[in-house]
PDB file of N, CA and C in Angstrom:
ATOM      1  N   MET A   1       0.857  -1.177   0.000  1.00  0.00           N
ATOM      2  CA  MET A   1       0.000   0.000   0.000  1.00  0.00           C
ATOM      3  C   MET A   1       0.893   1.228   0.000  1.00  0.00           C
ATOM      4  N   ASN A   2       0.736   2.051  -1.010  1.00  0.00           N
ATOM      5  CA  ASN A   2       1.457   3.315  -1.089  1.00  0.00           C
ATOM      6  C   ASN A   2       0.605   4.398  -0.452  1.00  0.00           C
ATOM      7  N   LEU A   3       1.215   5.166   0.444  1.00  0.00           N
ATOM      8  CA  LEU A   3       0.500   6.237   1.126  1.00  0.00           C
ATOM      9  C   LEU A   3       1.098   7.571   0.718  1.00  0.00           C
ATOM     10  N   ASN A   4       0.252   8.470   0.247  1.00  0.00           N
ATOM     11  CA  ASN A   4       0.657   9.825  -0.086  1.00  0.00           C
ATOM     12  C   ASN A   4      -0.101  10.752   0.849  1.00  0.00           C
ATOM     13  N   LEU A   5       0.610  11.399   1.761  1.00  0.00           N
ATOM     14  CA  LEU A   5      -0.003  12.255   2.776  1.00  0.00           C
ATOM     15  C   LEU A   5       0.371  13.695   2.485  1.00  0.00           C
ATOM     16  N   THR A   6      -0.639  14.553   2.294  1.00  0.00           N
ATOM     17  CA  THR A   6      -0.424  15.945   1.937  1.00  0.00           C
ATOM     18  C   THR A   6      -1.118  16.842   2.946  1.00  0.00           C
ATOM     19  N   GLY A   7      -0.467  17.930   3.301  1.00  0.00           N
ATOM     20  CA  GLY A   7      -1.065  18.904   4.204  1.00  0.00           C
ATOM     21  C   GLY A   7      -1.220  20.245   3.517  1.00  0.00           C
ATOM     22  N   ARG A   8      -2.410  20.787   3.550  1.00  0.00           N
ATOM     23  CA  ARG A   8      -2.668  22.124   3.002  1.00  0.00           C
ATOM     24  C   ARG A   8      -2.846  23.081   4.174  1.00  0.00           C
ATOM     25  N   HIS A   9      -1.978  24.071   4.246  1.00  0.00           N
ATOM     26  CA  HIS A   9      -1.950  25.036   5.336  1.00  0.00           C
ATOM     27  C   HIS A   9      -1.724  24.331   6.674  1.00  0.00           C
ATOM     28  N   LEU A  10      -0.965  23.240   6.606  1.00  0.00           N
ATOM     29  CA  LEU A  10      -0.760  22.403   7.777  1.00  0.00           C
ATOM     30  C   LEU A  10       0.544  21.639   7.604  1.00  0.00           C
ATOM     31  N   GLU A  11       1.325  21.564   8.654  1.00  0.00           N
ATOM     32  CA  GLU A  11       2.548  20.774   8.629  1.00  0.00           C
ATOM     33  C   GLU A  11       2.226  19.371   9.139  1.00  0.00           C
ATOM     34  N   ILE A  12       2.652  18.372   8.388  1.00  0.00           N
ATOM     35  CA  ILE A  12       2.413  16.981   8.778  1.00  0.00           C
ATOM     36  C   ILE A  12       3.488  16.582   9.787  1.00  0.00           C
ATOM     37  N   THR A  13       3.082  16.439  11.030  1.00  0.00           N
ATOM     38  CA  THR A  13       4.014  16.048  12.082  1.00  0.00           C
ATOM     39  C   THR A  13       4.088  14.518  12.134  1.00  0.00           C
ATOM     40  N   PRO A  14       5.130  13.989  12.752  1.00  0.00           N
ATOM     41  CA  PRO A  14       5.213  12.525  12.888  1.00  0.00           C
ATOM     42  C   PRO A  14       4.025  11.932  13.654  1.00  0.00           C
ATOM     43  N   ALA A  15       3.480  12.662  14.623  1.00  0.00           N
ATOM     44  CA  ALA A  15       2.329  12.170  15.376  1.00  0.00           C
ATOM     45  C   ALA A  15       1.097  12.050  14.476  1.00  0.00           C
ATOM     46  N   ILE A  16       0.882  13.034  13.615  1.00  0.00           N
ATOM     47  CA  ILE A  16      -0.256  12.983  12.685  1.00  0.00           C
ATOM     48  C   ILE A  16      -0.060  11.842  11.702  1.00  0.00           C
ATOM     49  N   ARG A  17       1.167  11.685  11.192  1.00  0.00           N
ATOM     50  CA  ARG A  17       1.463  10.611  10.242  1.00  0.00           C
ATOM     51  C   ARG A  17       1.198   9.238  10.874  1.00  0.00           C
ATOM     52  N   GLU A  18       1.629   9.037  12.104  1.00  0.00           N
ATOM     53  CA  GLU A  18       1.412   7.755  12.788  1.00  0.00           C
ATOM     54  C   GLU A  18      -0.076   7.506  13.035  1.00  0.00           C
ATOM     55  N   HIS A  19      -0.814   8.567  13.368  1.00  0.00           N
ATOM     56  CA  HIS A  19      -2.252   8.423  13.599  1.00  0.00           C
ATOM     57  C   HIS A  19      -2.969   8.003  12.310  1.00  0.00           C
ATOM     58  N   VAL A  20      -2.620   8.633  11.206  1.00  0.00           N
ATOM     59  CA  VAL A  20      -3.224   8.284   9.919  1.00  0.00           C
ATOM     60  C   VAL A  20      -2.876   6.841   9.545  1.00  0.00           C
ATOM     61  N   LEU A  21      -1.616   6.456   9.716  1.00  0.00           N
ATOM     62  CA  LEU A  21      -1.197   5.092   9.391  1.00  0.00           C
ATOM     63  C   LEU A  21      -1.930   4.058  10.239  1.00  0.00           C
ATOM     64  N   SER A  22      -2.071   4.330  11.527  1.00  0.00           N
ATOM     65  CA  SER A  22      -2.754   3.366  12.392  1.00  0.00           C
ATOM     66  C   SER A  22      -4.226   3.226  12.018  1.00  0.00           C
ATOM     67  N   LYS A  23      -4.858   4.313  11.631  1.00  0.00           N
ATOM     68  CA  LYS A  23      -6.268   4.255  11.245  1.00  0.00           C
ATOM     69  C   LYS A  23      -6.453   3.577   9.885  1.00  0.00           C
ATOM     70  N   LEU A  24      -5.516   3.786   8.958  1.00  0.00           N
ATOM     71  CA  LEU A  24      -5.646   3.181   7.634  1.00  0.00           C
ATOM     72  C   LEU A  24      -5.273   1.704   7.645  1.00  0.00           C
ATOM     73  N   ASN A  25      -4.583   1.243   8.679  1.00  0.00           N
ATOM     74  CA  ASN A  25      -4.288  -0.186   8.788  1.00  0.00           C
ATOM     75  C   ASN A  25      -5.564  -0.992   8.967  1.00  0.00           C
ATOM     76  N   LYS A  26      -6.588  -0.372   9.572  1.00  0.00           N
ATOM     77  CA  LYS A  26      -7.877  -1.046   9.731  1.00  0.00           C
ATOM     78  C   LYS A  26      -8.501  -1.316   8.360  1.00  0.00           C
ATOM     79  N   VAL A  27      -8.359  -0.364   7.455  1.00  0.00           N
ATOM     80  CA  VAL A  27      -8.884  -0.539   6.098  1.00  0.00           C
ATOM     81  C   VAL A  27      -8.101  -1.643   5.392  1.00  0.00           C
ATOM     82  N   LYS A  28      -6.796  -1.619   5.537  1.00  0.00           N
ATOM     83  CA  LYS A  28      -5.954  -2.629   4.889  1.00  0.00           C
ATOM     84  C   LYS A  28      -6.198  -4.012   5.481  1.00  0.00           C
ATOM     85  N   ARG A  29      -6.534  -4.089   6.746  1.00  0.00           N
ATOM     86  CA  ARG A  29      -6.797  -5.371   7.397  1.00  0.00           C
ATOM     87  C   ARG A  29      -8.059  -6.016   6.815  1.00  0.00           C
ATOM     88  N   HIS A  30      -9.040  -5.211   6.433  1.00  0.00           N
ATOM     89  CA  HIS A  30     -10.280  -5.747   5.891  1.00  0.00           C
ATOM     90  C   HIS A  30     -10.200  -6.063   4.402  1.00  0.00           C
ATOM     91  N   PHE A  31      -9.299  -5.392   3.683  1.00  0.00           N
ATOM     92  CA  PHE A  31      -9.225  -5.579   2.234  1.00  0.00           C
ATOM     93  C   PHE A  31      -7.768  -5.467   1.819  1.00  0.00           C
ATOM     94  N   ASP A  32      -7.185  -6.566   1.324  1.00  0.00           N
ATOM     95  CA  ASP A  32      -5.755  -6.606   1.027  1.00  0.00           C
ATOM     96  C   ASP A  32      -5.385  -5.980  -0.309  1.00  0.00           C
ATOM     97  N   ASN A  33      -6.344  -5.796  -1.204  1.00  0.00           N
ATOM     98  CA  ASN A  33      -6.030  -5.333  -2.551  1.00  0.00           C
ATOM     99  C   ASN A  33      -6.001  -3.816  -2.684  1.00  0.00           C
ATOM    100  N   VAL A  34      -5.581  -3.103  -1.654  1.00  0.00           N
ATOM    101  CA  VAL A  34      -5.469  -1.650  -1.721  1.00  0.00           C
ATOM    102  C   VAL A  34      -4.177  -1.317  -2.462  1.00  0.00           C
ATOM    103  N   ILE A  35      -4.294  -0.570  -3.554  1.00  0.00           N
ATOM    104  CA  ILE A  35      -3.128  -0.218  -4.358  1.00  0.00           C
ATOM    105  C   ILE A  35      -2.423   0.986  -3.758  1.00  0.00           C
ATOM    106  N   ASP A  36      -3.133   2.091  -3.638  1.00  0.00           N
ATOM    107  CA  ASP A  36      -2.544   3.270  -3.000  1.00  0.00           C
ATOM    108  C   ASP A  36      -3.621   4.130  -2.359  1.00  0.00           C
ATOM    109  N   VAL A  37      -3.165   4.991  -1.445  1.00  0.00           N
ATOM    110  CA  VAL A  37      -4.064   5.864  -0.697  1.00  0.00           C
ATOM    111  C   VAL A  37      -3.491   7.275  -0.758  1.00  0.00           C
ATOM    112  N   ASN A  38      -4.326   8.232  -1.144  1.00  0.00           N
ATOM    113  CA  ASN A  38      -3.955   9.643  -1.136  1.00  0.00           C
ATOM    114  C   ASN A  38      -4.785  10.338  -0.067  1.00  0.00           C
ATOM    115  N   VAL A  39      -4.107  10.893   0.936  1.00  0.00           N
ATOM    116  CA  VAL A  39      -4.790  11.569   2.042  1.00  0.00           C
ATOM    117  C   VAL A  39      -4.394  13.037   2.007  1.00  0.00           C
ATOM    118  N   ILE A  40      -5.391  13.920   2.071  1.00  0.00           N
ATOM    119  CA  ILE A  40      -5.160  15.366   2.105  1.00  0.00           C
ATOM    120  C   ILE A  40      -5.765  15.906   3.390  1.00  0.00           C
ATOM    121  N   LEU A  41      -4.930  16.522   4.206  1.00  0.00           N
ATOM    122  CA  LEU A  41      -5.380  17.151   5.440  1.00  0.00           C
ATOM    123  C   LEU A  41      -5.283  18.655   5.248  1.00  0.00           C
ATOM    124  N   SER A  42      -6.344  19.375   5.584  1.00  0.00           N
ATOM    125  CA  SER A  42      -6.331  20.823   5.371  1.00  0.00           C
ATOM    126  C   SER A  42      -6.979  21.539   6.540  1.00  0.00           C
ATOM    127  N   VAL A  43      -6.635  22.820   6.658  1.00  0.00           N
ATOM    128  CA  VAL A  43      -7.181  23.675   7.706  1.00  0.00           C
ATOM    129  C   VAL A  43      -7.761  24.917   7.038  1.00  0.00           C
ATOM    130  N   ASP A  44      -9.038  25.202   7.316  1.00  0.00           N
ATOM    131  CA  ASP A  44      -9.692  26.431   6.862  1.00  0.00           C
ATOM    132  C   ASP A  44     -10.316  27.097   8.071  1.00  0.00           C
ATOM    133  N   LYS A  45      -9.695  28.130   8.541  1.00  0.00           N
ATOM    134  CA  LYS A  45     -10.107  28.850   9.745  1.00  0.00           C
ATOM    135  C   LYS A  45     -10.234  27.887  10.917  1.00  0.00           C
ATOM    136  N   LEU A  46     -11.434  27.562  11.344  1.00  0.00           N
ATOM    137  CA  LEU A  46     -11.613  26.683  12.500  1.00  0.00           C
ATOM    138  C   LEU A  46     -12.008  25.263  12.125  1.00  0.00           C
ATOM    139  N   ILE A  47     -12.079  24.984  10.829  1.00  0.00           N
ATOM    140  CA  ILE A  47     -12.520  23.667  10.378  1.00  0.00           C
ATOM    141  C   ILE A  47     -11.323  22.861   9.882  1.00  0.00           C
ATOM    142  N   GLN A  48     -11.144  21.688  10.474  1.00  0.00           N
ATOM    143  CA  GLN A  48     -10.106  20.749  10.049  1.00  0.00           C
ATOM    144  C   GLN A  48     -10.765  19.751   9.100  1.00  0.00           C
ATOM    145  N   LYS A  49     -10.146  19.507   7.959  1.00  0.00           N
ATOM    146  CA  LYS A  49     -10.755  18.647   6.951  1.00  0.00           C
ATOM    147  C   LYS A  49      -9.784  17.540   6.562  1.00  0.00           C
ATOM    148  N   ALA A  50     -10.295  16.337   6.437  1.00  0.00           N
ATOM    149  CA  ALA A  50      -9.510  15.189   5.997  1.00  0.00           C
ATOM    150  C   ALA A  50     -10.217  14.560   4.800  1.00  0.00           C
ATOM    151  N   GLU A  51      -9.475  14.348   3.718  1.00  0.00           N
ATOM    152  CA  GLU A  51      -9.999  13.722   2.511  1.00  0.00           C
ATOM    153  C   GLU A  51      -9.101  12.552   2.149  1.00  0.00           C
ATOM    154  N   ALA A  52      -9.671  11.519   1.565  1.00  0.00           N
ATOM    155  CA  ALA A  52      -8.873  10.369   1.153  1.00  0.00           C
ATOM    156  C   ALA A  52      -9.432   9.767  -0.123  1.00  0.00           C
ATOM    157  N   ASN A  53      -8.520   9.358  -0.992  1.00  0.00           N
ATOM    158  CA  ASN A  53      -8.821   8.605  -2.196  1.00  0.00           C
ATOM    159  C   ASN A  53      -8.125   7.261  -2.063  1.00  0.00           C
ATOM    160  N   VAL A  54      -8.879   6.188  -2.054  1.00  0.00           N
ATOM    161  CA  VAL A  54      -8.313   4.850  -1.952  1.00  0.00           C
ATOM    162  C   VAL A  54      -8.506   4.161  -3.294  1.00  0.00           C
ATOM    163  N   HIS A  55      -7.405   3.722  -3.894  1.00  0.00           N
ATOM    164  CA  HIS A  55      -7.469   3.024  -5.169  1.00  0.00           C
ATOM    165  C   HIS A  55      -7.361   1.528  -4.906  1.00  0.00           C
ATOM    166  N   VAL A  56      -8.433   0.821  -5.205  1.00  0.00           N
ATOM    167  CA  VAL A  56      -8.446  -0.632  -5.132  1.00  0.00           C
ATOM    168  C   VAL A  56      -8.616  -1.155  -6.547  1.00  0.00           C
ATOM    169  N   SER A  57      -8.416  -2.435  -6.728  1.00  0.00           N
ATOM    170  CA  SER A  57      -8.498  -2.986  -8.078  1.00  0.00           C
ATOM    171  C   SER A  57      -9.905  -2.780  -8.645  1.00  0.00           C
ATOM    172  N   GLY A  58      -9.982  -1.970  -9.674  1.00  0.00           N
ATOM    173  CA  GLY A  58     -11.251  -1.749 -10.350  1.00  0.00           C
ATOM    174  C   GLY A  58     -12.070  -0.579  -9.853  1.00  0.00           C
ATOM    175  N   LYS A  59     -11.641   0.113  -8.823  1.00  0.00           N
ATOM    176  CA  LYS A  59     -12.466   1.194  -8.290  1.00  0.00           C
ATOM    177  C   LYS A  59     -11.616   2.179  -7.494  1.00  0.00           C
ATOM    178  N   ALA A  60     -12.070   3.425  -7.464  1.00  0.00           N
ATOM    179  CA  ALA A  60     -11.471   4.455  -6.608  1.00  0.00           C
ATOM    180  C   ALA A  60     -12.539   4.878  -5.605  1.00  0.00           C
ATOM    181  N   ILE A  61     -12.192   4.830  -4.332  1.00  0.00           N
ATOM    182  CA  ILE A  61     -13.137   5.148  -3.262  1.00  0.00           C
ATOM    183  C   ILE A  61     -12.718   6.467  -2.631  1.00  0.00           C
ATOM    184  N   PHE A  62     -13.676   7.403  -2.524  1.00  0.00           N
ATOM    185  CA  PHE A  62     -13.404   8.725  -1.972  1.00  0.00           C
ATOM    186  C   PHE A  62     -14.232   8.938  -0.714  1.00  0.00           C
ATOM    187  N   ALA A  63     -13.605   9.567   0.280  1.00  0.00           N
ATOM    188  CA  ALA A  63     -14.320   9.926   1.503  1.00  0.00           C
ATOM    189  C   ALA A  63     -13.713  11.208   2.054  1.00  0.00           C
ATOM    190  N   GLU A  64     -14.528  11.977   2.778  1.00  0.00           N
ATOM    191  CA  GLU A  64     -14.036  13.180   3.428  1.00  0.00           C
ATOM    192  C   GLU A  64     -14.767  13.370   4.745  1.00  0.00           C
ATOM    193  N   ALA A  65     -14.100  14.089   5.647  1.00  0.00           N
ATOM    194  CA  ALA A  65     -14.683  14.355   6.957  1.00  0.00           C
ATOM    195  C   ALA A  65     -14.181  15.708   7.448  1.00  0.00           C
ATOM    196  N   GLU A  66     -15.061  16.411   8.166  1.00  0.00           N
ATOM    197  CA  GLU A  66     -14.722  17.713   8.736  1.00  0.00           C
ATOM    198  C   GLU A  66     -15.045  17.710  10.218  1.00  0.00           C
ATOM    199  N   ASP A  67     -14.207  18.416  10.996  1.00  0.00           N
ATOM    200  CA  ASP A  67     -14.451  18.558  12.417  1.00  0.00           C
ATOM    201  C   ASP A  67     -13.588  19.708  12.917  1.00  0.00           C
ATOM    202  N   SER A  68     -13.819  20.122  14.144  1.00  0.00           N
ATOM    203  CA  SER A  68     -12.983  21.176  14.722  1.00  0.00           C
ATOM    204  C   SER A  68     -11.656  20.610  15.217  1.00  0.00           C
ATOM    205  N   ASN A  69     -11.584  19.281  15.403  1.00  0.00           N
ATOM    206  CA  ASN A  69     -10.369  18.611  15.831  1.00  0.00           C
ATOM    207  C   ASN A  69      -9.885  17.711  14.693  1.00  0.00           C
ATOM    208  N   LEU A  70      -8.613  17.832  14.324  1.00  0.00           N
ATOM    209  CA  LEU A  70      -8.075  17.084  13.199  1.00  0.00           C
ATOM    210  C   LEU A  70      -8.087  15.579  13.456  1.00  0.00           C
ATOM    211  N   TYR A  71      -7.774  15.163  14.668  1.00  0.00           N
ATOM    212  CA  TYR A  71      -7.743  13.736  14.978  1.00  0.00           C
ATOM    213  C   TYR A  71      -9.134  13.105  14.892  1.00  0.00           C
ATOM    214  N   VAL A  72     -10.150  13.833  15.298  1.00  0.00           N
ATOM    215  CA  VAL A  72     -11.528  13.343  15.183  1.00  0.00           C
ATOM    216  C   VAL A  72     -11.921  13.241  13.711  1.00  0.00           C
ATOM    217  N   ALA A  73     -11.494  14.209  12.901  1.00  0.00           N
ATOM    218  CA  ALA A  73     -11.778  14.172  11.465  1.00  0.00           C
ATOM    219  C   ALA A  73     -11.108  12.955  10.822  1.00  0.00           C
ATOM    220  N   ILE A  74      -9.879  12.640  11.238  1.00  0.00           N
ATOM    221  CA  ILE A  74      -9.174  11.471  10.703  1.00  0.00           C
ATOM    222  C   ILE A  74      -9.889  10.186  11.119  1.00  0.00           C
ATOM    223  N   ASP A  75     -10.349  10.119  12.369  1.00  0.00           N
ATOM    224  CA  ASP A  75     -11.080   8.936  12.843  1.00  0.00           C
ATOM    225  C   ASP A  75     -12.371   8.734  12.051  1.00  0.00           C
ATOM    226  N   THR A  76     -13.114   9.819  11.832  1.00  0.00           N
ATOM    227  CA  THR A  76     -14.361   9.754  11.071  1.00  0.00           C
ATOM    228  C   THR A  76     -14.084   9.326   9.631  1.00  0.00           C
ATOM    229  N   LEU A  77     -13.031   9.861   9.058  1.00  0.00           N
ATOM    230  CA  LEU A  77     -12.632   9.507   7.697  1.00  0.00           C
ATOM    231  C   LEU A  77     -12.314   8.021   7.607  1.00  0.00           C
ATOM    232  N   ALA A  78     -11.560   7.498   8.560  1.00  0.00           N
ATOM    233  CA  ALA A  78     -11.190   6.085   8.546  1.00  0.00           C
ATOM    234  C   ALA A  78     -12.420   5.190   8.669  1.00  0.00           C
ATOM    235  N   ASP A  79     -13.376   5.581   9.509  1.00  0.00           N
ATOM    236  CA  ASP A  79     -14.606   4.799   9.646  1.00  0.00           C
ATOM    237  C   ASP A  79     -15.401   4.785   8.340  1.00  0.00           C
ATOM    238  N   SER A  80     -15.488   5.934   7.694  1.00  0.00           N
ATOM    239  CA  SER A  80     -16.212   6.035   6.432  1.00  0.00           C
ATOM    240  C   SER A  80     -15.538   5.189   5.347  1.00  0.00           C
ATOM    241  N   LEU A  81     -14.215   5.260   5.272  1.00  0.00           N
ATOM    242  CA  LEU A  81     -13.483   4.462   4.292  1.00  0.00           C
ATOM    243  C   LEU A  81     -13.662   2.978   4.566  1.00  0.00           C
ATOM    244  N   ASP A  82     -13.635   2.609   5.827  1.00  0.00           N
ATOM    245  CA  ASP A  82     -13.781   1.209   6.195  1.00  0.00           C
ATOM    246  C   ASP A  82     -15.138   0.669   5.745  1.00  0.00           C
ATOM    247  N   ARG A  83     -16.197   1.441   5.973  1.00  0.00           N
ATOM    248  CA  ARG A  83     -17.536   1.026   5.540  1.00  0.00           C
ATOM    249  C   ARG A  83     -17.592   0.865   4.020  1.00  0.00           C
ATOM    250  N   GLN A  84     -17.022   1.827   3.293  1.00  0.00           N
ATOM    251  CA  GLN A  84     -17.080   1.770   1.837  1.00  0.00           C
ATOM    252  C   GLN A  84     -16.259   0.598   1.286  1.00  0.00           C
ATOM    253  N   VAL A  85     -15.095   0.347   1.884  1.00  0.00           N
ATOM    254  CA  VAL A  85     -14.251  -0.758   1.417  1.00  0.00           C
ATOM    255  C   VAL A  85     -14.922  -2.098   1.698  1.00  0.00           C
ATOM    256  N   LEU A  86     -15.550  -2.242   2.873  1.00  0.00           N
ATOM    257  CA  LEU A  86     -16.262  -3.481   3.177  1.00  0.00           C
ATOM    258  C   LEU A  86     -17.430  -3.700   2.217  1.00  0.00           C
ATOM    259  N   LYS A  87     -18.141  -2.629   1.873  1.00  0.00           N
ATOM    260  CA  LYS A  87     -19.245  -2.728   0.925  1.00  0.00           C
ATOM    261  C   LYS A  87     -18.736  -3.161  -0.450  1.00  0.00           C
ATOM    262  N   HIS A  88     -17.607  -2.588  -0.882  1.00  0.00           N
ATOM    263  CA  HIS A  88     -17.012  -2.962  -2.158  1.00  0.00           C
ATOM    264  C   HIS A  88     -16.580  -4.427  -2.145  1.00  0.00           C
ATOM    265  N   LYS A  89     -15.996  -4.862  -1.033  1.00  0.00           N
ATOM    266  CA  LYS A  89     -15.551  -6.254  -0.902  1.00  0.00           C
ATOM    267  C   LYS A  89     -16.734  -7.213  -0.955  1.00  0.00           C
ATOM    268  N   GLU A  90     -17.821  -6.878  -0.268  1.00  0.00           N
ATOM    269  CA  GLU A  90     -19.005  -7.727  -0.279  1.00  0.00           C
ATOM    270  C   GLU A  90     -19.617  -7.812  -1.671  1.00  0.00           C
ATOM    271  N   LYS A  91     -19.643  -6.695  -2.386  1.00  0.00           N
ATOM    272  CA  LYS A  91     -20.183  -6.709  -3.751  1.00  0.00           C
ATOM    273  C   LYS A  91     -19.329  -7.588  -4.655  1.00  0.00           C
ATOM    274  N   ASN A  92     -17.998  -7.488  -4.517  1.00  0.00           N
ATOM    275  CA  ASN A  92     -17.106  -8.314  -5.330  1.00  0.00           C
ATOM    276  C   ASN A  92     -17.296  -9.789  -5.026  1.00  0.00           C
ATOM    277  N   ASN A  93     -17.401 -10.143  -3.757  1.00  0.00           N
ATOM    278  CA  ASN A  93     -17.593 -11.545  -3.388  1.00  0.00           C
ATOM    279  C   ASN A  93     -18.943 -12.059  -3.865  1.00  0.00           C
ATOM    280  N   ALA A  94     -19.977 -11.248  -3.777  1.00  0.00           N
ATOM    281  CA  ALA A  94     -21.297 -11.663  -4.241  1.00  0.00           C
ATOM    282  C   ALA A  94     -21.294 -11.865  -5.749  1.00  0.00           C
ATOM    283  N   ARG A  95     -20.606 -11.008  -6.454  1.00  0.00           N
ATOM    284  CA  ARG A  95     -20.543 -11.119  -7.911  1.00  0.00           C
ATOM    285  C   ARG A  95     -19.744 -12.357  -8.306  1.00  0.00           C
ATOM    286  N   ARG A  96     -18.677 -12.641  -7.580  1.00  0.00           N
ATOM    287  CA  ARG A  96     -17.821 -13.765  -7.910  1.00  0.00           C
ATOM    288  C   ARG A  96     -18.487 -15.101  -7.581  1.00  0.00           C
ATOM    289  N   HIS A  97     -19.280 -15.135  -6.534  1.00  0.00           N
ATOM    290  CA  HIS A  97     -19.905 -16.381  -6.100  1.00  0.00           C
ATOM    291  C   HIS A  97     -21.355 -16.501  -6.557  1.00  0.00           C
ATOM    292  N   ASP A  98     -21.735 -15.707  -7.510  1.00  0.00           N
ATOM    293  CA  ASP A  98     -23.100 -15.754  -8.014  1.00  0.00           C
ATOM    294  C   ASP A  98     -23.300 -17.041  -8.820  1.00  0.00           C
ATOM    295  N   ASP A  99     -24.355 -17.765  -8.546  1.00  0.00           N
ATOM    296  CA  ASP A  99     -24.611 -19.030  -9.227  1.00  0.00           C
ATOM    297  C   ASP A  99     -25.528 -18.897 -10.434  1.00  0.00           C
ATOM    298  N   SER A 100     -25.771 -17.700 -10.889  1.00  0.00           N
ATOM    299  CA  SER A 100     -26.746 -17.497 -11.968  1.00  0.00           C
ATOM    300  C   SER A 100     -26.254 -18.071 -13.304  1.00  0.00           C
ATOM    301  N   GLY A 101     -24.959 -18.206 -13.487  1.00  0.00           N
ATOM    302  CA  GLY A 101     -24.437 -18.689 -14.768  1.00  0.00           C
ATOM    303  C   GLY A 101     -24.322 -20.201 -14.847  1.00  0.00           C
ATOM    304  N   LYS A 102     -24.554 -20.923 -13.759  1.00  0.00           N
ATOM    305  CA  LYS A 102     -24.396 -22.371 -13.754  1.00  0.00           C
ATOM    306  C   LYS A 102     -25.666 -23.058 -14.267  1.00  0.00           C
ATOM    307  N   VAL A 103     -25.469 -24.166 -14.907  1.00  0.00           N
ATOM    308  CA  VAL A 103     -26.571 -24.971 -15.405  1.00  0.00           C
ATOM    309  C   VAL A 103     -26.944 -25.967 -14.313  1.00  0.00           C
ATOM    310  N   GLU A 104     -28.243 -26.038 -13.997  1.00  0.00           N
ATOM    311  CA  GLU A 104     -28.685 -26.960 -12.953  1.00  0.00           C
ATOM    312  C   GLU A 104     -28.738 -28.377 -13.479  1.00  0.00           C
ATOM    313  N   ALA A 105     -28.387 -29.327 -12.627  1.00  0.00           N
ATOM    314  CA  ALA A 105     -28.426 -30.737 -13.026  1.00  0.00           C
ATOM    315  C   ALA A 105     -29.868 -31.230 -13.072  1.00  0.00           C
ATOM    316  N   ALA A 106     -30.176 -32.044 -14.072  1.00  0.00           N
ATOM    317  CA  ALA A 106     -31.531 -32.590 -14.213  1.00  0.00           C
ATOM    318  C   ALA A 106     -31.751 -33.672 -13.173  1.00  0.00           C
ATOM    319  N   GLU A 107     -32.917 -33.683 -12.578  1.00  0.00           N
ATOM    320  CA  GLU A 107     -33.207 -34.682 -11.546  1.00  0.00           C
ATOM    321  C   GLU A 107     -33.947 -35.851 -12.090  1.00  0.00           C
TER     322      GLU A 107
END
């Protein structure tokens, strides 16, 4: 998993980087086919914003979160990404294990 972490009007400290990595490991734990992740953290006056683009095989998943605290915004973002990745994984498994194309045996 390639991680690209960008800060707009914000310096990315090692503590912020470790927090983002620990939260994104939950996404990687649920779905192994993550190609790369682009995370943008920004500050606009009193609003902290976190955005992420996750590229998985066949799809790009986008999520964003805003809060007055950057760490809470990152937590919310990770939860949203986790839900979307699990939904994508379930759809892929359902499509792969669909029995609609099989011919039934005659009784």
